[in-house]
Amino acid sequence: MRKTGRTAFKVVINDLSRTGCRGETLSKMHVDERVWITLPSFAPVEGVVMWANSTGFGIHWDAPLHGSVFDHIRHQFPHMFR
């Protein structure tokens, strides 16, 4: 993940959907913050933090993931889905 004007850092994605994701990080996240998440084998996906607490966050993508991209990630990385 990368925030505007910041260096990228690692996050754990626990729940991925076509319209967003839920994850965990030790970095402080802020509601309405613009972020980019690089999913395995794909270009960064841009979104906005919708909620955040001390260790978790929820992101809403600016545009839904294409169905074939979502299916590929679901098959390659099943741990990202609940």
N, C-alpha and C. Protein backbone atom coordinates (compact mmCIF):
# COMPACT_ATOMS: atom_id res chain seq x y z
N MET A 1 0.85 -1.16 0.00
CA MET A 1 0.00 0.00 0.00
C MET A 1 0.89 1.23 0.00
N ARG A 2 0.38 2.26 -0.61
CA ARG A 2 1.08 3.55 -0.61
C ARG A 2 0.06 4.65 -0.41
N LYS A 3 0.43 5.61 0.44
CA LYS A 3 -0.38 6.81 0.65
C LYS A 3 0.19 7.92 -0.22
N THR A 4 -0.59 8.94 -0.48
CA THR A 4 -0.13 10.08 -1.27
C THR A 4 1.15 10.66 -0.67
N GLY A 5 2.19 10.75 -1.51
CA GLY A 5 3.45 11.34 -1.09
C GLY A 5 4.27 10.52 -0.12
N ARG A 6 3.92 9.25 0.06
CA ARG A 6 4.61 8.40 1.03
C ARG A 6 5.24 7.19 0.36
N THR A 7 6.14 6.54 1.08
CA THR A 7 6.76 5.30 0.63
C THR A 7 5.79 4.14 0.87
N ALA A 8 5.84 3.16 0.00
CA ALA A 8 4.96 1.99 0.13
C ALA A 8 5.30 1.20 1.39
N PHE A 9 4.28 0.53 1.95
CA PHE A 9 4.45 -0.32 3.12
C PHE A 9 3.55 -1.54 2.97
N LYS A 10 3.84 -2.57 3.74
CA LYS A 10 3.10 -3.82 3.62
C LYS A 10 1.82 -3.79 4.44
N VAL A 11 0.79 -4.44 3.89
CA VAL A 11 -0.47 -4.65 4.59
C VAL A 11 -0.89 -6.10 4.36
N VAL A 12 -1.79 -6.57 5.18
CA VAL A 12 -2.38 -7.90 5.00
C VAL A 12 -3.83 -7.70 4.60
N ILE A 13 -4.20 -8.25 3.45
CA ILE A 13 -5.58 -8.16 2.98
C ILE A 13 -6.33 -9.39 3.49
N ASN A 14 -7.41 -9.16 4.24
CA ASN A 14 -8.19 -10.25 4.81
C ASN A 14 -9.46 -10.54 4.03
N ASP A 15 -9.96 -9.55 3.34
CA ASP A 15 -11.23 -9.71 2.65
C ASP A 15 -11.22 -8.80 1.43
N LEU A 16 -11.15 -9.39 0.25
CA LEU A 16 -11.10 -8.63 -1.00
C LEU A 16 -12.41 -8.81 -1.75
N SER A 17 -12.92 -7.72 -2.30
CA SER A 17 -14.11 -7.80 -3.15
C SER A 17 -13.83 -6.99 -4.41
N ARG A 18 -14.76 -7.02 -5.34
CA ARG A 18 -14.59 -6.24 -6.57
C ARG A 18 -14.61 -4.75 -6.28
N THR A 19 -15.23 -4.33 -5.17
CA THR A 19 -15.39 -2.91 -4.88
C THR A 19 -14.50 -2.38 -3.76
N GLY A 20 -13.72 -3.25 -3.12
CA GLY A 20 -12.86 -2.79 -2.04
C GLY A 20 -12.19 -3.92 -1.30
N CYS A 21 -11.65 -3.60 -0.14
CA CYS A 21 -11.00 -4.62 0.67
C CYS A 21 -10.99 -4.22 2.13
N ARG A 22 -10.73 -5.20 2.95
CA ARG A 22 -10.52 -5.00 4.38
C ARG A 22 -9.15 -5.56 4.69
N GLY A 23 -8.39 -4.89 5.53
CA GLY A 23 -7.05 -5.38 5.83
C GLY A 23 -6.52 -4.92 7.16
N GLU A 24 -5.28 -5.30 7.41
CA GLU A 24 -4.59 -4.97 8.66
C GLU A 24 -3.23 -4.36 8.36
N THR A 25 -2.84 -3.42 9.22
CA THR A 25 -1.52 -2.80 9.11
C THR A 25 -1.16 -2.19 10.46
N LEU A 26 0.11 -1.99 10.67
CA LEU A 26 0.56 -1.29 11.86
C LEU A 26 0.64 0.21 11.63
N SER A 27 0.52 0.64 10.37
CA SER A 27 0.57 2.06 10.03
C SER A 27 -0.76 2.73 10.35
N LYS A 28 -0.70 3.96 10.79
CA LYS A 28 -1.91 4.73 11.09
C LYS A 28 -2.64 5.08 9.80
N MET A 29 -3.93 4.76 9.75
CA MET A 29 -4.77 5.05 8.58
C MET A 29 -5.80 6.10 8.99
N HIS A 30 -6.24 6.89 8.02
CA HIS A 30 -7.21 7.95 8.29
C HIS A 30 -8.36 7.85 7.28
N VAL A 31 -9.57 8.02 7.77
CA VAL A 31 -10.76 8.03 6.91
C VAL A 31 -10.60 9.13 5.86
N ASP A 32 -11.02 8.84 4.65
CA ASP A 32 -10.96 9.73 3.48
C ASP A 32 -9.56 9.87 2.90
N GLU A 33 -8.59 9.12 3.41
CA GLU A 33 -7.23 9.15 2.88
C GLU A 33 -7.18 8.38 1.55
N ARG A 34 -6.51 8.94 0.56
CA ARG A 34 -6.35 8.29 -0.75
C ARG A 34 -5.16 7.35 -0.69
N VAL A 35 -5.36 6.10 -1.17
CA VAL A 35 -4.30 5.09 -1.12
C VAL A 35 -4.26 4.30 -2.42
N TRP A 36 -3.14 3.62 -2.64
CA TRP A 36 -2.95 2.72 -3.77
C TRP A 36 -2.48 1.39 -3.20
N ILE A 37 -3.15 0.32 -3.57
CA ILE A 37 -2.75 -1.01 -3.13
C ILE A 37 -2.32 -1.79 -4.36
N THR A 38 -1.13 -2.38 -4.30
CA THR A 38 -0.64 -3.21 -5.38
C THR A 38 -1.01 -4.65 -5.06
N LEU A 39 -1.92 -5.20 -5.84
CA LEU A 39 -2.32 -6.60 -5.70
C LEU A 39 -1.34 -7.46 -6.48
N PRO A 40 -1.10 -8.68 -6.05
CA PRO A 40 -0.11 -9.54 -6.71
C PRO A 40 -0.31 -9.62 -8.22
N SER A 41 0.72 -9.33 -8.98
CA SER A 41 0.74 -9.44 -10.44
C SER A 41 -0.07 -8.38 -11.17
N PHE A 42 -0.53 -7.33 -10.49
CA PHE A 42 -1.34 -6.31 -11.13
C PHE A 42 -0.84 -4.91 -10.81
N ALA A 43 -1.28 -3.96 -11.59
CA ALA A 43 -0.95 -2.56 -11.33
C ALA A 43 -1.67 -2.11 -10.06
N PRO A 44 -1.19 -1.06 -9.42
CA PRO A 44 -1.85 -0.57 -8.20
C PRO A 44 -3.31 -0.19 -8.45
N VAL A 45 -4.13 -0.44 -7.43
CA VAL A 45 -5.55 -0.11 -7.47
C VAL A 45 -5.75 1.07 -6.52
N GLU A 46 -6.42 2.11 -7.01
CA GLU A 46 -6.61 3.32 -6.22
C GLU A 46 -7.94 3.30 -5.49
N GLY A 47 -7.93 3.80 -4.26
CA GLY A 47 -9.15 3.84 -3.48
C GLY A 47 -9.06 4.83 -2.34
N VAL A 48 -10.09 4.81 -1.51
CA VAL A 48 -10.21 5.73 -0.38
C VAL A 48 -10.48 4.92 0.88
N VAL A 49 -9.84 5.31 1.99
CA VAL A 49 -10.08 4.66 3.27
C VAL A 49 -11.48 5.06 3.76
N MET A 50 -12.33 4.06 3.99
CA MET A 50 -13.70 4.31 4.43
C MET A 50 -13.83 4.22 5.94
N TRP A 51 -13.01 3.37 6.55
CA TRP A 51 -12.97 3.26 8.01
C TRP A 51 -11.59 2.79 8.42
N ALA A 52 -11.22 3.09 9.64
CA ALA A 52 -9.92 2.67 10.17
C ALA A 52 -9.99 2.61 11.69
N ASN A 53 -9.26 1.64 12.26
CA ASN A 53 -9.08 1.59 13.70
C ASN A 53 -7.61 1.33 13.99
N SER A 54 -7.25 0.91 15.18
CA SER A 54 -5.84 0.81 15.55
C SER A 54 -5.04 -0.18 14.72
N THR A 55 -5.67 -1.19 14.15
CA THR A 55 -4.93 -2.18 13.35
C THR A 55 -5.57 -2.50 12.01
N GLY A 56 -6.78 -2.03 11.77
CA GLY A 56 -7.48 -2.42 10.54
C GLY A 56 -7.97 -1.24 9.75
N PHE A 57 -8.43 -1.54 8.53
CA PHE A 57 -8.94 -0.51 7.63
C PHE A 57 -9.88 -1.13 6.61
N GLY A 58 -10.68 -0.29 6.01
CA GLY A 58 -11.53 -0.68 4.89
C GLY A 58 -11.33 0.32 3.76
N ILE A 59 -11.13 -0.20 2.55
CA ILE A 59 -10.89 0.64 1.37
C ILE A 59 -12.01 0.42 0.37
N HIS A 60 -12.45 1.49 -0.25
CA HIS A 60 -13.39 1.40 -1.38
C HIS A 60 -12.64 1.81 -2.63
N TRP A 61 -12.59 0.91 -3.63
CA TRP A 61 -11.88 1.22 -4.88
C TRP A 61 -12.58 2.34 -5.63
N ASP A 62 -11.82 3.12 -6.37
CA ASP A 62 -12.40 4.16 -7.22
C ASP A 62 -13.23 3.55 -8.34
N ALA A 63 -12.79 2.40 -8.84
CA ALA A 63 -13.52 1.66 -9.88
C ALA A 63 -13.46 0.18 -9.51
N PRO A 64 -14.56 -0.56 -9.69
CA PRO A 64 -14.55 -1.98 -9.36
C PRO A 64 -13.49 -2.74 -10.15
N LEU A 65 -12.94 -3.78 -9.53
CA LEU A 65 -12.01 -4.65 -10.24
C LEU A 65 -12.74 -5.36 -11.37
N HIS A 66 -12.10 -5.50 -12.49
CA HIS A 66 -12.68 -6.24 -13.61
C HIS A 66 -12.93 -7.68 -13.16
N GLY A 67 -14.01 -8.27 -13.62
CA GLY A 67 -14.37 -9.62 -13.21
C GLY A 67 -13.28 -10.65 -13.41
N SER A 68 -12.58 -10.60 -14.55
CA SER A 68 -11.53 -11.58 -14.81
C SER A 68 -10.32 -11.37 -13.90
N VAL A 69 -10.02 -10.12 -13.56
CA VAL A 69 -8.93 -9.82 -12.62
C VAL A 69 -9.31 -10.37 -11.24
N PHE A 70 -10.52 -10.09 -10.81
CA PHE A 70 -11.00 -10.57 -9.51
C PHE A 70 -10.95 -12.09 -9.45
N ASP A 71 -11.43 -12.77 -10.48
CA ASP A 71 -11.42 -14.24 -10.51
C ASP A 71 -10.00 -14.79 -10.46
N HIS A 72 -9.08 -14.16 -11.18
CA HIS A 72 -7.68 -14.60 -11.17
C HIS A 72 -7.10 -14.49 -9.76
N ILE A 73 -7.30 -13.36 -9.11
CA ILE A 73 -6.77 -13.17 -7.76
C ILE A 73 -7.42 -14.17 -6.80
N ARG A 74 -8.71 -14.39 -6.93
CA ARG A 74 -9.41 -15.33 -6.04
C ARG A 74 -8.84 -16.73 -6.16
N HIS A 75 -8.49 -17.15 -7.37
CA HIS A 75 -7.94 -18.49 -7.56
C HIS A 75 -6.48 -18.58 -7.13
N GLN A 76 -5.71 -17.53 -7.33
CA GLN A 76 -4.29 -17.54 -6.99
C GLN A 76 -4.01 -17.27 -5.51
N PHE A 77 -4.88 -16.50 -4.86
CA PHE A 77 -4.64 -16.07 -3.49
C PHE A 77 -5.91 -16.23 -2.64
N PRO A 78 -6.37 -17.45 -2.42
CA PRO A 78 -7.64 -17.67 -1.70
C PRO A 78 -7.64 -17.13 -0.27
N HIS A 79 -6.46 -16.94 0.33
CA HIS A 79 -6.40 -16.42 1.70
C HIS A 79 -6.90 -14.97 1.81
N MET A 80 -7.05 -14.28 0.68
CA MET A 80 -7.53 -12.89 0.70
C MET A 80 -9.05 -12.79 0.76
N PHE A 81 -9.73 -13.93 0.84
CA PHE A 81 -11.18 -13.92 0.76
C PHE A 81 -11.78 -14.60 1.99
N ARG A 82 -12.88 -14.07 2.44
CA ARG A 82 -13.60 -14.69 3.56
C ARG A 82 -14.83 -15.37 3.07
